[in-house]
Amino acid sequence: MMLIELALFFFVLLGSKLLLGGMVVYLLLPRDPRCVICDAEMLPLKAAHGTNRLLRFCGLQRRWCMECRRCTLGRRLPLRPAPVRQAVPVMQPRIR
């Protein structure tokens, strides 16, 4: 019984914080294929065989920007493109 209590204590102390931290970092990674610096289209890179499997399992993808020559890590794109939302027209203020 003491071993189960000790394992539960360490999970609450350390494991839950690591799990929450990993989830937050994953959600902060960009999903769109545009560069965050120059807003250019980024190309997907193919990683080494073992790394490629690990990235696919985690839902991640390495990308490279041709304009600013930056290599980043991002979330994989969905299989179907997201629907494009229409822009809301902005009302101009009236000047009297």
PDB file of N, CA and C in Angstrom:
ATOM      1  N   MET A   1       0.819  -1.196   0.000  1.00  0.00           N
ATOM      2  CA  MET A   1       0.000   0.000   0.000  1.00  0.00           C
ATOM      3  C   MET A   1       0.863   1.259   0.000  1.00  0.00           C
ATOM      4  N   MET A   2       1.984   1.204   0.659  1.00  0.00           N
ATOM      5  CA  MET A   2       2.879   2.358   0.738  1.00  0.00           C
ATOM      6  C   MET A   2       3.441   2.703  -0.649  1.00  0.00           C
ATOM      7  N   LEU A   3       3.724   1.684  -1.463  1.00  0.00           N
ATOM      8  CA  LEU A   3       4.274   1.900  -2.793  1.00  0.00           C
ATOM      9  C   LEU A   3       3.261   2.600  -3.699  1.00  0.00           C
ATOM     10  N   ILE A   4       2.002   2.227  -3.609  1.00  0.00           N
ATOM     11  CA  ILE A   4       0.950   2.857  -4.420  1.00  0.00           C
ATOM     12  C   ILE A   4       0.782   4.318  -4.015  1.00  0.00           C
ATOM     13  N   GLU A   5       0.804   4.587  -2.732  1.00  0.00           N
ATOM     14  CA  GLU A   5       0.681   5.971  -2.268  1.00  0.00           C
ATOM     15  C   GLU A   5       1.865   6.808  -2.715  1.00  0.00           C
ATOM     16  N   LEU A   6       3.072   6.236  -2.685  1.00  0.00           N
ATOM     17  CA  LEU A   6       4.263   6.955  -3.116  1.00  0.00           C
ATOM     18  C   LEU A   6       4.216   7.251  -4.619  1.00  0.00           C
ATOM     19  N   ALA A   7       3.771   6.270  -5.422  1.00  0.00           N
ATOM     20  CA  ALA A   7       3.658   6.483  -6.871  1.00  0.00           C
ATOM     21  C   ALA A   7       2.615   7.552  -7.184  1.00  0.00           C
ATOM     22  N   LEU A   8       1.506   7.533  -6.489  1.00  0.00           N
ATOM     23  CA  LEU A   8       0.471   8.547  -6.695  1.00  0.00           C
ATOM     24  C   LEU A   8       0.973   9.930  -6.296  1.00  0.00           C
ATOM     25  N   PHE A   9       1.725  10.004  -5.207  1.00  0.00           N
ATOM     26  CA  PHE A   9       2.277  11.281  -4.764  1.00  0.00           C
ATOM     27  C   PHE A   9       3.214  11.861  -5.816  1.00  0.00           C
ATOM     28  N   PHE A  10       4.117  11.020  -6.378  1.00  0.00           N
ATOM     29  CA  PHE A  10       5.052  11.521  -7.386  1.00  0.00           C
ATOM     30  C   PHE A  10       4.344  11.886  -8.681  1.00  0.00           C
ATOM     31  N   PHE A  11       3.277  11.177  -9.040  1.00  0.00           N
ATOM     32  CA  PHE A  11       2.534  11.560 -10.240  1.00  0.00           C
ATOM     33  C   PHE A  11       1.884  12.929 -10.047  1.00  0.00           C
ATOM     34  N   VAL A  12       1.279  13.142  -8.883  1.00  0.00           N
ATOM     35  CA  VAL A  12       0.631  14.434  -8.627  1.00  0.00           C
ATOM     36  C   VAL A  12       1.679  15.530  -8.553  1.00  0.00           C
ATOM     37  N   LEU A  13       2.827  15.220  -7.960  1.00  0.00           N
ATOM     38  CA  LEU A  13       3.868  16.230  -7.786  1.00  0.00           C
ATOM     39  C   LEU A  13       4.575  16.568  -9.090  1.00  0.00           C
ATOM     40  N   LEU A  14       4.926  15.566  -9.882  1.00  0.00           N
ATOM     41  CA  LEU A  14       5.756  15.798 -11.052  1.00  0.00           C
ATOM     42  C   LEU A  14       5.060  15.442 -12.374  1.00  0.00           C
ATOM     43  N   GLY A  15       4.425  14.305 -12.430  1.00  0.00           N
ATOM     44  CA  GLY A  15       3.853  13.820 -13.680  1.00  0.00           C
ATOM     45  C   GLY A  15       2.765  14.712 -14.244  1.00  0.00           C
ATOM     46  N   SER A  16       1.887  15.196 -13.395  1.00  0.00           N
ATOM     47  CA  SER A  16       0.794  16.038 -13.896  1.00  0.00           C
ATOM     48  C   SER A  16       1.321  17.361 -14.436  1.00  0.00           C
ATOM     49  N   LYS A  17       2.363  17.904 -13.828  1.00  0.00           N
ATOM     50  CA  LYS A  17       2.940  19.160 -14.322  1.00  0.00           C
ATOM     51  C   LYS A  17       3.631  18.953 -15.667  1.00  0.00           C
ATOM     52  N   LEU A  18       4.322  17.828 -15.828  1.00  0.00           N
ATOM     53  CA  LEU A  18       4.949  17.534 -17.118  1.00  0.00           C
ATOM     54  C   LEU A  18       3.902  17.306 -18.202  1.00  0.00           C
ATOM     55  N   LEU A  19       2.842  16.622 -17.873  1.00  0.00           N
ATOM     56  CA  LEU A  19       1.769  16.376 -18.832  1.00  0.00           C
ATOM     57  C   LEU A  19       1.094  17.679 -19.252  1.00  0.00           C
ATOM     58  N   LEU A  20       0.773  18.541 -18.305  1.00  0.00           N
ATOM     59  CA  LEU A  20       0.163  19.832 -18.635  1.00  0.00           C
ATOM     60  C   LEU A  20       1.107  20.720 -19.435  1.00  0.00           C
ATOM     61  N   GLY A  21       2.389  20.731 -19.075  1.00  0.00           N
ATOM     62  CA  GLY A  21       3.377  21.523 -19.811  1.00  0.00           C
ATOM     63  C   GLY A  21       3.511  21.062 -21.241  1.00  0.00           C
ATOM     64  N   GLY A  22       3.537  19.748 -21.456  1.00  0.00           N
ATOM     65  CA  GLY A  22       3.620  19.209 -22.815  1.00  0.00           C
ATOM     66  C   GLY A  22       2.408  19.555 -23.643  1.00  0.00           C
ATOM     67  N   MET A  23       1.230  19.518 -23.027  1.00  0.00           N
ATOM     68  CA  MET A  23       0.004  19.867 -23.754  1.00  0.00           C
ATOM     69  C   MET A  23       0.010  21.341 -24.151  1.00  0.00           C
ATOM     70  N   VAL A  24       0.467  22.217 -23.276  1.00  0.00           N
ATOM     71  CA  VAL A  24       0.499  23.652 -23.583  1.00  0.00           C
ATOM     72  C   VAL A  24       1.494  23.939 -24.700  1.00  0.00           C
ATOM     73  N   VAL A  25       2.676  23.317 -24.643  1.00  0.00           N
ATOM     74  CA  VAL A  25       3.672  23.534 -25.697  1.00  0.00           C
ATOM     75  C   VAL A  25       3.143  23.031 -27.039  1.00  0.00           C
ATOM     76  N   TYR A  26       2.468  21.891 -27.051  1.00  0.00           N
ATOM     77  CA  TYR A  26       1.898  21.359 -28.290  1.00  0.00           C
ATOM     78  C   TYR A  26       0.866  22.322 -28.869  1.00  0.00           C
ATOM     79  N   LEU A  27       0.007  22.871 -28.024  1.00  0.00           N
ATOM     80  CA  LEU A  27      -1.033  23.780 -28.521  1.00  0.00           C
ATOM     81  C   LEU A  27      -0.468  25.130 -28.957  1.00  0.00           C
ATOM     82  N   LEU A  28       0.706  25.511 -28.469  1.00  0.00           N
ATOM     83  CA  LEU A  28       1.328  26.769 -28.884  1.00  0.00           C
ATOM     84  C   LEU A  28       2.043  26.666 -30.229  1.00  0.00           C
ATOM     85  N   LEU A  29       2.316  25.455 -30.691  1.00  0.00           N
ATOM     86  CA  LEU A  29       2.974  25.299 -31.987  1.00  0.00           C
ATOM     87  C   LEU A  29       2.005  25.703 -33.104  1.00  0.00           C
ATOM     88  N   PRO A  30       2.511  26.387 -34.146  1.00  0.00           N
ATOM     89  CA  PRO A  30       1.607  26.841 -35.212  1.00  0.00           C
ATOM     90  C   PRO A  30       1.079  25.679 -36.034  1.00  0.00           C
ATOM     91  N   ARG A  31      -0.155  25.811 -36.485  1.00  0.00           N
ATOM     92  CA  ARG A  31      -0.783  24.774 -37.304  1.00  0.00           C
ATOM     93  C   ARG A  31      -0.779  25.141 -38.785  1.00  0.00           C
ATOM     94  N   ASP A  32      -0.834  26.420 -39.098  1.00  0.00           N
ATOM     95  CA  ASP A  32      -0.887  26.823 -40.504  1.00  0.00           C
ATOM     96  C   ASP A  32       0.510  26.747 -41.128  1.00  0.00           C
ATOM     97  N   PRO A  33       0.586  26.532 -42.444  1.00  0.00           N
ATOM     98  CA  PRO A  33       1.890  26.379 -43.097  1.00  0.00           C
ATOM     99  C   PRO A  33       2.541  27.707 -43.478  1.00  0.00           C
ATOM    100  N   ARG A  34       2.191  28.790 -42.816  1.00  0.00           N
ATOM    101  CA  ARG A  34       2.773  30.098 -43.097  1.00  0.00           C
ATOM    102  C   ARG A  34       3.872  30.394 -42.082  1.00  0.00           C
ATOM    103  N   CYS A  35       4.913  31.073 -42.511  1.00  0.00           N
ATOM    104  CA  CYS A  35       6.018  31.452 -41.634  1.00  0.00           C
ATOM    105  C   CYS A  35       5.555  32.565 -40.691  1.00  0.00           C
ATOM    106  N   VAL A  36       5.927  32.461 -39.428  1.00  0.00           N
ATOM    107  CA  VAL A  36       5.497  33.465 -38.466  1.00  0.00           C
ATOM    108  C   VAL A  36       6.313  34.746 -38.589  1.00  0.00           C
ATOM    109  N   ILE A  37       7.466  34.715 -39.246  1.00  0.00           N
ATOM    110  CA  ILE A  37       8.306  35.900 -39.389  1.00  0.00           C
ATOM    111  C   ILE A  37       7.985  36.667 -40.665  1.00  0.00           C
ATOM    112  N   CYS A  38       8.005  35.961 -41.816  1.00  0.00           N
ATOM    113  CA  CYS A  38       7.834  36.670 -43.095  1.00  0.00           C
ATOM    114  C   CYS A  38       6.521  36.335 -43.788  1.00  0.00           C
ATOM    115  N   ASP A  39       5.687  35.488 -43.235  1.00  0.00           N
ATOM    116  CA  ASP A  39       4.374  35.122 -43.756  1.00  0.00           C
ATOM    117  C   ASP A  39       4.442  34.474 -45.141  1.00  0.00           C
ATOM    118  N   ALA A  40       5.535  33.766 -45.410  1.00  0.00           N
ATOM    119  CA  ALA A  40       5.668  33.033 -46.673  1.00  0.00           C
ATOM    120  C   ALA A  40       5.234  31.586 -46.464  1.00  0.00           C
ATOM    121  N   GLU A  41       4.993  30.893 -47.569  1.00  0.00           N
ATOM    122  CA  GLU A  41       4.607  29.481 -47.505  1.00  0.00           C
ATOM    123  C   GLU A  41       5.818  28.649 -47.077  1.00  0.00           C
ATOM    124  N   MET A  42       5.602  27.724 -46.143  1.00  0.00           N
ATOM    125  CA  MET A  42       6.679  26.870 -45.653  1.00  0.00           C
ATOM    126  C   MET A  42       6.550  25.481 -46.264  1.00  0.00           C
ATOM    127  N   LEU A  43       7.688  24.860 -46.533  1.00  0.00           N
ATOM    128  CA  LEU A  43       7.720  23.536 -47.136  1.00  0.00           C
ATOM    129  C   LEU A  43       7.944  22.485 -46.063  1.00  0.00           C
ATOM    130  N   PRO A  44       7.238  21.351 -46.138  1.00  0.00           N
ATOM    131  CA  PRO A  44       7.477  20.285 -45.159  1.00  0.00           C
ATOM    132  C   PRO A  44       8.803  19.587 -45.440  1.00  0.00           C
ATOM    133  N   LEU A  45       9.502  19.226 -44.373  1.00  0.00           N
ATOM    134  CA  LEU A  45      10.765  18.497 -44.484  1.00  0.00           C
ATOM    135  C   LEU A  45      10.554  17.059 -44.065  1.00  0.00           C
ATOM    136  N   LYS A  46      11.279  16.167 -44.682  1.00  0.00           N
ATOM    137  CA  LYS A  46      11.230  14.768 -44.283  1.00  0.00           C
ATOM    138  C   LYS A  46      12.418  14.505 -43.369  1.00  0.00           C
ATOM    139  N   ALA A  47      12.140  14.027 -42.180  1.00  0.00           N
ATOM    140  CA  ALA A  47      13.184  13.778 -41.192  1.00  0.00           C
ATOM    141  C   ALA A  47      13.765  12.377 -41.381  1.00  0.00           C
ATOM    142  N   ALA A  48      14.749  12.049 -40.551  1.00  0.00           N
ATOM    143  CA  ALA A  48      15.326  10.710 -40.565  1.00  0.00           C
ATOM    144  C   ALA A  48      14.242   9.695 -40.215  1.00  0.00           C
ATOM    145  N   HIS A  49      14.484   8.420 -40.518  1.00  0.00           N
ATOM    146  CA  HIS A  49      13.453   7.384 -40.396  1.00  0.00           C
ATOM    147  C   HIS A  49      12.883   7.295 -38.979  1.00  0.00           C
ATOM    148  N   GLY A  50      13.711   7.203 -37.969  1.00  0.00           N
ATOM    149  CA  GLY A  50      13.215   7.086 -36.597  1.00  0.00           C
ATOM    150  C   GLY A  50      12.561   8.365 -36.117  1.00  0.00           C
ATOM    151  N   THR A  51      13.155   9.492 -36.452  1.00  0.00           N
ATOM    152  CA  THR A  51      12.596  10.778 -36.044  1.00  0.00           C
ATOM    153  C   THR A  51      11.266  11.035 -36.735  1.00  0.00           C
ATOM    154  N   ASN A  52      11.160  10.628 -37.989  1.00  0.00           N
ATOM    155  CA  ASN A  52       9.928  10.829 -38.742  1.00  0.00           C
ATOM    156  C   ASN A  52       8.768  10.074 -38.093  1.00  0.00           C
ATOM    157  N   ARG A  53       9.014   8.846 -37.645  1.00  0.00           N
ATOM    158  CA  ARG A  53       7.962   8.081 -36.975  1.00  0.00           C
ATOM    159  C   ARG A  53       7.553   8.728 -35.666  1.00  0.00           C
ATOM    160  N   LEU A  54       8.523   9.203 -34.914  1.00  0.00           N
ATOM    161  CA  LEU A  54       8.218   9.857 -33.637  1.00  0.00           C
ATOM    162  C   LEU A  54       7.414  11.134 -33.858  1.00  0.00           C
ATOM    163  N   LEU A  55       7.787  11.930 -34.860  1.00  0.00           N
ATOM    164  CA  LEU A  55       7.055  13.166 -35.151  1.00  0.00           C
ATOM    165  C   LEU A  55       5.638  12.857 -35.618  1.00  0.00           C
ATOM    166  N   ARG A  56       5.455  11.825 -36.436  1.00  0.00           N
ATOM    167  CA  ARG A  56       4.105  11.453 -36.872  1.00  0.00           C
ATOM    168  C   ARG A  56       3.252  10.997 -35.702  1.00  0.00           C
ATOM    169  N   PHE A  57       3.856  10.230 -34.794  1.00  0.00           N
ATOM    170  CA  PHE A  57       3.118   9.757 -33.625  1.00  0.00           C
ATOM    171  C   PHE A  57       2.659  10.933 -32.760  1.00  0.00           C
ATOM    172  N   CYS A  58       3.495  11.952 -32.632  1.00  0.00           N
ATOM    173  CA  CYS A  58       3.154  13.137 -31.826  1.00  0.00           C
ATOM    174  C   CYS A  58       2.308  14.139 -32.593  1.00  0.00           C
ATOM    175  N   GLY A  59       2.117  13.952 -33.889  1.00  0.00           N
ATOM    176  CA  GLY A  59       1.324  14.884 -34.689  1.00  0.00           C
ATOM    177  C   GLY A  59       2.086  16.147 -35.037  1.00  0.00           C
ATOM    178  N   LEU A  60       3.405  16.039 -35.178  1.00  0.00           N
ATOM    179  CA  LEU A  60       4.243  17.197 -35.473  1.00  0.00           C
ATOM    180  C   LEU A  60       4.872  17.061 -36.854  1.00  0.00           C
ATOM    181  N   GLN A  61       5.407  18.180 -37.365  1.00  0.00           N
ATOM    182  CA  GLN A  61       6.013  18.202 -38.685  1.00  0.00           C
ATOM    183  C   GLN A  61       7.086  19.282 -38.710  1.00  0.00           C
ATOM    184  N   ARG A  62       8.234  18.950 -39.303  1.00  0.00           N
ATOM    185  CA  ARG A  62       9.284  19.961 -39.492  1.00  0.00           C
ATOM    186  C   ARG A  62       8.995  20.716 -40.778  1.00  0.00           C
ATOM    187  N   ARG A  63       9.204  22.034 -40.761  1.00  0.00           N
ATOM    188  CA  ARG A  63       8.949  22.874 -41.936  1.00  0.00           C
ATOM    189  C   ARG A  63      10.110  23.839 -42.150  1.00  0.00           C
ATOM    190  N   TRP A  64      10.285  24.251 -43.421  1.00  0.00           N
ATOM    191  CA  TRP A  64      11.366  25.154 -43.780  1.00  0.00           C
ATOM    192  C   TRP A  64      10.823  26.301 -44.618  1.00  0.00           C
ATOM    193  N   CYS A  65      11.216  27.529 -44.259  1.00  0.00           N
ATOM    194  CA  CYS A  65      10.800  28.719 -45.002  1.00  0.00           C
ATOM    195  C   CYS A  65      11.868  29.048 -46.034  1.00  0.00           C
ATOM    196  N   MET A  66      11.446  29.242 -47.293  1.00  0.00           N
ATOM    197  CA  MET A  66      12.405  29.531 -48.354  1.00  0.00           C
ATOM    198  C   MET A  66      12.877  30.968 -48.330  1.00  0.00           C
ATOM    199  N   GLU A  67      12.089  31.887 -47.789  1.00  0.00           N
ATOM    200  CA  GLU A  67      12.475  33.291 -47.807  1.00  0.00           C
ATOM    201  C   GLU A  67      13.432  33.655 -46.676  1.00  0.00           C
ATOM    202  N   CYS A  68      13.071  33.297 -45.452  1.00  0.00           N
ATOM    203  CA  CYS A  68      13.953  33.656 -44.326  1.00  0.00           C
ATOM    204  C   CYS A  68      14.850  32.503 -43.893  1.00  0.00           C
ATOM    205  N   ARG A  69      14.774  31.375 -44.581  1.00  0.00           N
ATOM    206  CA  ARG A  69      15.622  30.195 -44.362  1.00  0.00           C
ATOM    207  C   ARG A  69      15.589  29.735 -42.906  1.00  0.00           C
ATOM    208  N   ARG A  70      14.380  29.603 -42.408  1.00  0.00           N
ATOM    209  CA  ARG A  70      14.167  29.212 -41.014  1.00  0.00           C
ATOM    210  C   ARG A  70      13.505  27.836 -40.968  1.00  0.00           C
ATOM    211  N   CYS A  71      14.017  26.974 -40.108  1.00  0.00           N
ATOM    212  CA  CYS A  71      13.454  25.637 -39.937  1.00  0.00           C
ATOM    213  C   CYS A  71      12.707  25.618 -38.602  1.00  0.00           C
ATOM    214  N   THR A  72      11.437  25.231 -38.625  1.00  0.00           N
ATOM    215  CA  THR A  72      10.634  25.218 -37.407  1.00  0.00           C
ATOM    216  C   THR A  72       9.897  23.896 -37.270  1.00  0.00           C
ATOM    217  N   LEU A  73       9.306  23.732 -36.127  1.00  0.00           N
ATOM    218  CA  LEU A  73       8.492  22.567 -35.828  1.00  0.00           C
ATOM    219  C   LEU A  73       7.060  23.048 -35.662  1.00  0.00           C
ATOM    220  N   GLY A  74       6.122  22.365 -36.284  1.00  0.00           N
ATOM    221  CA  GLY A  74       4.723  22.763 -36.196  1.00  0.00           C
ATOM    222  C   GLY A  74       3.824  21.546 -36.135  1.00  0.00           C
ATOM    223  N   ARG A  75       2.552  21.801 -35.829  1.00  0.00           N
ATOM    224  CA  ARG A  75       1.586  20.703 -35.812  1.00  0.00           C
ATOM    225  C   ARG A  75       1.251  20.305 -37.241  1.00  0.00           C
ATOM    226  N   ARG A  76       0.939  19.036 -37.414  1.00  0.00           N
ATOM    227  CA  ARG A  76       0.563  18.534 -38.743  1.00  0.00           C
ATOM    228  C   ARG A  76      -0.724  19.190 -39.217  1.00  0.00           C
ATOM    229  N   LEU A  77      -0.803  19.389 -40.500  1.00  0.00           N
ATOM    230  CA  LEU A  77      -2.004  19.963 -41.088  1.00  0.00           C
ATOM    231  C   LEU A  77      -3.114  18.924 -41.092  1.00  0.00           C
ATOM    232  N   PRO A  78      -4.366  19.346 -40.973  1.00  0.00           N
ATOM    233  CA  PRO A  78      -5.472  18.384 -41.057  1.00  0.00           C
ATOM    234  C   PRO A  78      -5.572  17.824 -42.478  1.00  0.00           C
ATOM    235  N   LEU A  79      -6.201  16.655 -42.590  1.00  0.00           N
ATOM    236  CA  LEU A  79      -6.342  16.047 -43.905  1.00  0.00           C
ATOM    237  C   LEU A  79      -7.243  16.872 -44.811  1.00  0.00           C
ATOM    238  N   ARG A  80      -8.288  17.429 -44.259  1.00  0.00           N
ATOM    239  CA  ARG A  80      -9.186  18.300 -45.025  1.00  0.00           C
ATOM    240  C   ARG A  80      -8.883  19.754 -44.662  1.00  0.00           C
ATOM    241  N   PRO A  81      -8.861  20.627 -45.657  1.00  0.00           N
ATOM    242  CA  PRO A  81      -8.609  22.029 -45.327  1.00  0.00           C
ATOM    243  C   PRO A  81      -9.781  22.616 -44.531  1.00  0.00           C
ATOM    244  N   ALA A  82      -9.456  23.487 -43.612  1.00  0.00           N
ATOM    245  CA  ALA A  82     -10.482  24.129 -42.805  1.00  0.00           C
ATOM    246  C   ALA A  82     -11.286  25.087 -43.680  1.00  0.00           C
ATOM    247  N   PRO A  83     -12.572  25.231 -43.418  1.00  0.00           N
ATOM    248  CA  PRO A  83     -13.369  26.162 -44.229  1.00  0.00           C
ATOM    249  C   PRO A  83     -12.914  27.603 -44.001  1.00  0.00           C
ATOM    250  N   VAL A  84     -12.926  28.365 -45.092  1.00  0.00           N
ATOM    251  CA  VAL A  84     -12.510  29.761 -45.021  1.00  0.00           C
ATOM    252  C   VAL A  84     -13.682  30.593 -44.536  1.00  0.00           C
ATOM    253  N   ARG A  85     -13.448  31.364 -43.490  1.00  0.00           N
ATOM    254  CA  ARG A  85     -14.516  32.219 -42.963  1.00  0.00           C
ATOM    255  C   ARG A  85     -14.495  33.564 -43.677  1.00  0.00           C
ATOM    256  N   GLN A  86     -15.670  34.123 -43.873  1.00  0.00           N
ATOM    257  CA  GLN A  86     -15.787  35.407 -44.539  1.00  0.00           C
ATOM    258  C   GLN A  86     -15.430  36.530 -43.572  1.00  0.00           C
ATOM    259  N   ALA A  87     -14.789  37.552 -44.086  1.00  0.00           N
ATOM    260  CA  ALA A  87     -14.405  38.696 -43.264  1.00  0.00           C
ATOM    261  C   ALA A  87     -15.638  39.537 -42.928  1.00  0.00           C
ATOM    262  N   VAL A  88     -15.662  40.048 -41.736  1.00  0.00           N
ATOM    263  CA  VAL A  88     -16.764  40.898 -41.289  1.00  0.00           C
ATOM    264  C   VAL A  88     -16.443  42.332 -41.696  1.00  0.00           C
ATOM    265  N   PRO A  89     -17.357  43.014 -42.395  1.00  0.00           N
ATOM    266  CA  PRO A  89     -17.064  44.396 -42.797  1.00  0.00           C
ATOM    267  C   PRO A  89     -16.994  45.306 -41.571  1.00  0.00           C
ATOM    268  N   VAL A  90     -16.046  46.218 -41.609  1.00  0.00           N
ATOM    269  CA  VAL A  90     -15.844  47.158 -40.513  1.00  0.00           C
ATOM    270  C   VAL A  90     -16.587  48.440 -40.840  1.00  0.00           C
ATOM    271  N   MET A  91     -17.356  48.929 -39.890  1.00  0.00           N
ATOM    272  CA  MET A  91     -18.091  50.176 -40.102  1.00  0.00           C
ATOM    273  C   MET A  91     -17.155  51.355 -39.899  1.00  0.00           C
ATOM    274  N   GLN A  92     -17.251  52.326 -40.802  1.00  0.00           N
ATOM    275  CA  GLN A  92     -16.436  53.539 -40.680  1.00  0.00           C
ATOM    276  C   GLN A  92     -17.099  54.506 -39.719  1.00  0.00           C
ATOM    277  N   PRO A  93     -16.324  55.144 -38.856  1.00  0.00           N
ATOM    278  CA  PRO A  93     -16.919  56.103 -37.922  1.00  0.00           C
ATOM    279  C   PRO A  93     -17.403  57.350 -38.663  1.00  0.00           C
ATOM    280  N   ARG A  94     -18.501  57.885 -38.191  1.00  0.00           N
ATOM    281  CA  ARG A  94     -19.046  59.114 -38.791  1.00  0.00           C
ATOM    282  C   ARG A  94     -18.380  60.330 -38.159  1.00  0.00           C
ATOM    283  N   ILE A  95     -17.944  61.234 -39.024  1.00  0.00           N
ATOM    284  CA  ILE A  95     -17.322  62.477 -38.540  1.00  0.00           C
ATOM    285  C   ILE A  95     -18.290  63.619 -38.798  1.00  0.00           C
ATOM    286  N   ARG A  96     -18.585  64.350 -37.765  1.00  0.00           N
ATOM    287  CA  ARG A  96     -19.530  65.466 -37.908  1.00  0.00           C
ATOM    288  C   ARG A  96     -18.821  66.767 -37.977  1.00  0.00           C
TER     289      ARG A  96
END
